[in-house]
Protein backbone atom coordinates (compact mmCIF):
# COMPACT_ATOMS: atom_id res chain seq x y z
CA UNK A 1 -17.77 55.27 -5.99
CA UNK A 2 -18.47 57.49 -9.02
CA UNK A 3 -20.05 60.07 -6.73
CA UNK A 4 -16.91 60.26 -4.58
CA UNK A 5 -14.76 60.68 -7.67
CA UNK A 6 -16.99 63.46 -9.00
CA UNK A 7 -16.96 65.22 -5.62
CA UNK A 8 -13.17 64.97 -5.43
CA UNK A 9 -12.76 66.37 -8.96
CA UNK A 10 -15.14 69.25 -8.15
CA UNK A 11 -13.19 70.06 -4.99
CA UNK A 12 -9.85 70.00 -6.83
CA UNK A 13 -11.28 72.21 -9.60
CA UNK A 14 -12.59 74.73 -7.07
CA UNK A 15 -9.27 74.85 -5.21
CA UNK A 16 -7.40 75.33 -8.48
CA UNK A 17 -9.72 78.21 -9.39
CA UNK A 18 -9.19 79.83 -5.97
CA UNK A 19 -5.42 79.44 -6.23
CA UNK A 20 -5.35 80.98 -9.70
CA UNK A 21 -7.54 83.90 -8.65
CA UNK A 22 -5.24 84.81 -5.78
CA UNK A 23 -1.85 83.90 -7.26
CA UNK A 24 0.86 86.58 -7.28
CA UNK A 25 1.10 88.42 -10.60
CA UNK A 26 4.46 86.86 -11.54
CA UNK A 27 3.04 83.35 -11.37
CA UNK A 28 0.18 83.95 -13.80
CA UNK A 29 1.86 86.06 -16.45
CA UNK A 30 2.20 84.51 -19.89
CA UNK A 31 5.69 83.95 -21.21
CA UNK A 32 6.56 85.57 -24.52
CA UNK A 33 7.04 83.31 -27.54
CA UNK A 34 10.57 81.98 -27.66
CA UNK A 35 10.86 81.85 -23.86
CA UNK A 36 10.31 78.14 -23.61
CA UNK A 37 6.84 78.06 -25.14
CA UNK A 38 6.21 77.42 -28.80
CA UNK A 39 3.35 79.35 -30.35
CA UNK A 40 0.56 77.19 -31.67
CA UNK A 41 -0.20 77.18 -35.36
CA UNK A 42 -3.45 76.47 -37.13
CA UNK A 43 -3.98 72.88 -38.22
CA UNK A 44 -4.55 72.02 -41.89
CA UNK A 45 -4.55 75.59 -43.15
CA UNK A 46 -7.30 76.81 -40.80
CA UNK A 47 -7.12 80.11 -39.02
CA UNK A 48 -5.89 80.42 -35.46
CA UNK A 49 -8.66 80.74 -32.89
CA UNK A 50 -8.60 83.64 -30.47
CA UNK A 51 -8.17 82.54 -26.87
CA UNK A 52 -11.28 82.88 -24.73
CA UNK A 53 -11.45 86.09 -22.71
CA UNK A 54 -10.45 85.68 -19.08
CA UNK A 55 -13.64 86.19 -17.04
CA UNK A 56 -11.54 87.42 -14.11
CA UNK A 57 -9.59 89.99 -16.14
CA UNK A 58 -9.90 93.64 -15.19
CA UNK A 59 -12.62 95.19 -17.38
CA UNK A 60 -11.52 97.50 -20.18
CA UNK A 61 -12.29 101.19 -19.70
CA UNK A 62 -12.23 100.81 -15.92
CA UNK A 63 -10.06 103.83 -15.22
CA UNK A 64 -6.45 104.05 -14.14
CA UNK A 65 -4.43 104.36 -10.98
CA UNK A 66 -5.10 102.84 -7.59
CA UNK A 67 -8.83 102.07 -7.43
CA UNK A 68 -11.71 99.75 -6.69
CA UNK A 69 -13.51 98.54 -9.83
CA UNK A 70 -17.07 97.26 -9.48
CA UNK A 71 -18.67 95.52 -12.49
CA UNK A 72 -22.45 95.56 -12.15
CA UNK A 73 -23.15 92.80 -14.69
CA UNK A 74 -20.40 90.49 -13.47
CA UNK A 75 -21.18 91.10 -9.78
CA UNK A 76 -17.42 91.33 -9.23
CA UNK A 77 -14.91 93.70 -7.66
CA UNK A 78 -11.24 94.22 -8.53
CA UNK A 79 -8.77 95.91 -6.18
CA UNK A 80 -6.18 97.63 -8.36
CA UNK A 81 -2.90 98.79 -6.83
CA UNK A 82 0.21 100.50 -8.11
CA UNK A 83 1.28 99.94 -11.73
CA UNK A 84 -2.22 98.67 -12.66
CA UNK A 85 -1.61 95.44 -10.75
CA UNK A 86 -4.79 93.63 -9.72
CA UNK A 87 -4.20 92.76 -6.07
CA UNK A 88 -7.45 90.83 -5.70
CA UNK A 89 -10.75 90.10 -7.42
CA UNK A 90 -13.86 88.57 -5.90
CA UNK A 91 -17.57 88.03 -6.39
CA UNK A 92 -20.09 90.19 -4.55
CA UNK A 93 -23.82 90.13 -3.88
CA UNK A 94 -25.33 93.43 -5.01
CA UNK A 95 -28.37 94.92 -3.35
CA UNK A 96 -31.57 96.20 -4.92
CA UNK A 97 -30.37 99.75 -5.70
CA UNK A 98 -27.38 100.16 -8.00
CA UNK A 99 -25.07 103.09 -8.81
CA UNK A 100 -24.81 104.32 -12.39
CA UNK A 101 -21.56 103.48 -14.20
CA UNK A 102 -18.99 106.18 -13.52
CA UNK A 103 -16.18 107.27 -11.22
CA UNK A 104 -16.86 107.91 -7.53
CA UNK A 105 -14.85 108.57 -4.37
CA UNK A 106 -15.18 106.85 -1.02
CA UNK A 107 -17.14 109.28 1.15
CA UNK A 108 -17.38 107.55 4.54
CA UNK A 109 -16.39 104.33 6.29
CA UNK A 110 -17.61 102.45 9.36
CA UNK A 111 -15.84 99.63 11.15
CA UNK A 112 -18.93 97.75 12.33
CA UNK A 113 -22.66 98.61 12.21
CA UNK A 114 -26.05 96.98 11.71
CA UNK A 115 -27.00 96.71 8.04
CA UNK A 116 -30.36 97.92 6.78
CA UNK A 117 -31.43 94.26 6.74
CA UNK A 118 -30.56 93.89 10.43
CA UNK A 119 -27.42 91.81 9.81
CA UNK A 120 -24.25 92.95 11.62
CA UNK A 121 -21.77 94.16 9.00
CA UNK A 122 -18.17 95.33 9.06
CA UNK A 123 -15.76 97.28 6.88
CA UNK A 124 -18.48 99.46 5.42
CA UNK A 125 -17.15 101.62 2.57
CA UNK A 126 -19.70 104.09 1.18
CA UNK A 127 -19.21 105.79 -2.19
CA UNK A 128 -22.54 106.85 -3.75
CA UNK A 129 -26.17 107.78 -3.11
CA UNK A 130 -29.01 106.91 -5.49
CA UNK A 131 -32.46 108.43 -4.83
CA UNK A 132 -31.71 108.73 -1.12
CA UNK A 133 -30.22 105.21 -0.79
CA UNK A 134 -26.57 105.05 0.25
CA UNK A 135 -24.46 102.62 -1.80
CA UNK A 136 -21.45 100.91 -0.28
CA UNK A 137 -19.46 97.74 0.18
CA UNK A 138 -19.64 95.65 3.35
CA UNK A 139 -19.09 92.17 4.76
CA UNK A 140 -21.54 90.39 7.04
CA UNK A 141 -19.91 89.46 10.35
CA UNK A 142 -21.58 86.03 10.12
CA UNK A 143 -20.07 85.53 6.65
CA UNK A 144 -23.43 85.43 4.85
CA UNK A 145 -23.97 86.79 1.35
CA UNK A 146 -27.70 86.17 0.97
CA UNK A 147 -29.69 87.70 -1.86
CA UNK A 148 -31.37 90.90 -0.70
CA UNK A 149 -35.12 91.18 -0.22
CA UNK A 150 -36.34 92.52 -3.60
CA UNK A 151 -39.13 94.42 -1.84
CA UNK A 152 -36.63 96.62 0.08
CA UNK A 153 -34.54 99.47 -1.32
CA UNK A 154 -31.05 98.89 0.03
CA UNK A 155 -27.59 99.73 -1.28
CA UNK A 156 -25.25 97.30 0.47
CA UNK A 157 -22.90 95.36 -1.80
CA UNK A 158 -21.93 92.30 0.25
CA UNK A 159 -18.70 90.36 0.11
CA UNK A 160 -16.92 87.69 2.13
CA UNK A 161 -15.09 88.85 5.25
CA UNK A 162 -11.58 88.26 3.85
CA UNK A 163 -12.47 90.29 0.77
CA UNK A 164 -13.90 92.99 3.03
CA UNK A 165 -10.59 93.14 4.92
CA UNK A 166 -8.68 93.66 1.66
CA UNK A 167 -11.10 96.30 0.38
CA UNK A 168 -11.01 98.15 3.72
CA UNK A 169 -7.23 98.46 3.44
CA UNK A 170 -7.34 99.96 -0.06
CA UNK A 171 -10.57 101.99 0.03
CA UNK A 172 -9.86 104.84 2.45
CA UNK A 173 -11.87 108.07 2.36
CA UNK A 174 -11.24 109.76 -0.99
CA UNK A 175 -10.17 106.54 -2.75
CA UNK A 176 -11.41 106.06 -6.31
CA UNK A 177 -14.26 103.64 -7.07
CA UNK A 178 -15.03 102.96 -10.74
CA UNK A 179 -18.38 101.37 -11.57
CA UNK A 180 -18.65 99.69 -14.97
CA UNK A 181 -21.64 98.05 -16.61
């Protein structure tokens, strides 16, 4: 019985995380003090603790304007629309060759091709080349996001198909891609 309870709590936690990650901006914004929320005060003369940083927040120094932001260390992408609004963020599986931090432009796109690992991929968005290896985002048609073979030099950054659909819509040729550490 305890196992069923733990599984149910894990499922509810995961669904809550998913809902929060994809909630419209107006639903997740914090209300200013005095708008129905009382600010907390330190207990017994202690100092107020800083809230923990949101791990899904858009990285600082990630450019401006409509863009795709790719954080190498976090293995995460943010799709940023008008007025600096994050339309979507999602985890990715990077390949074995990585672009240097900096600002790039989408150079080419392909609707559906075979990946360098032989897996059929779609919504391929290429933006950089490193030592002859093309770097780009893609989604496996079969939905897989397996770790790449460390013995092969490939540049595909894999994502789930739904995330690939969203990126494809934003990242047209010439669109800005900002890579951060």
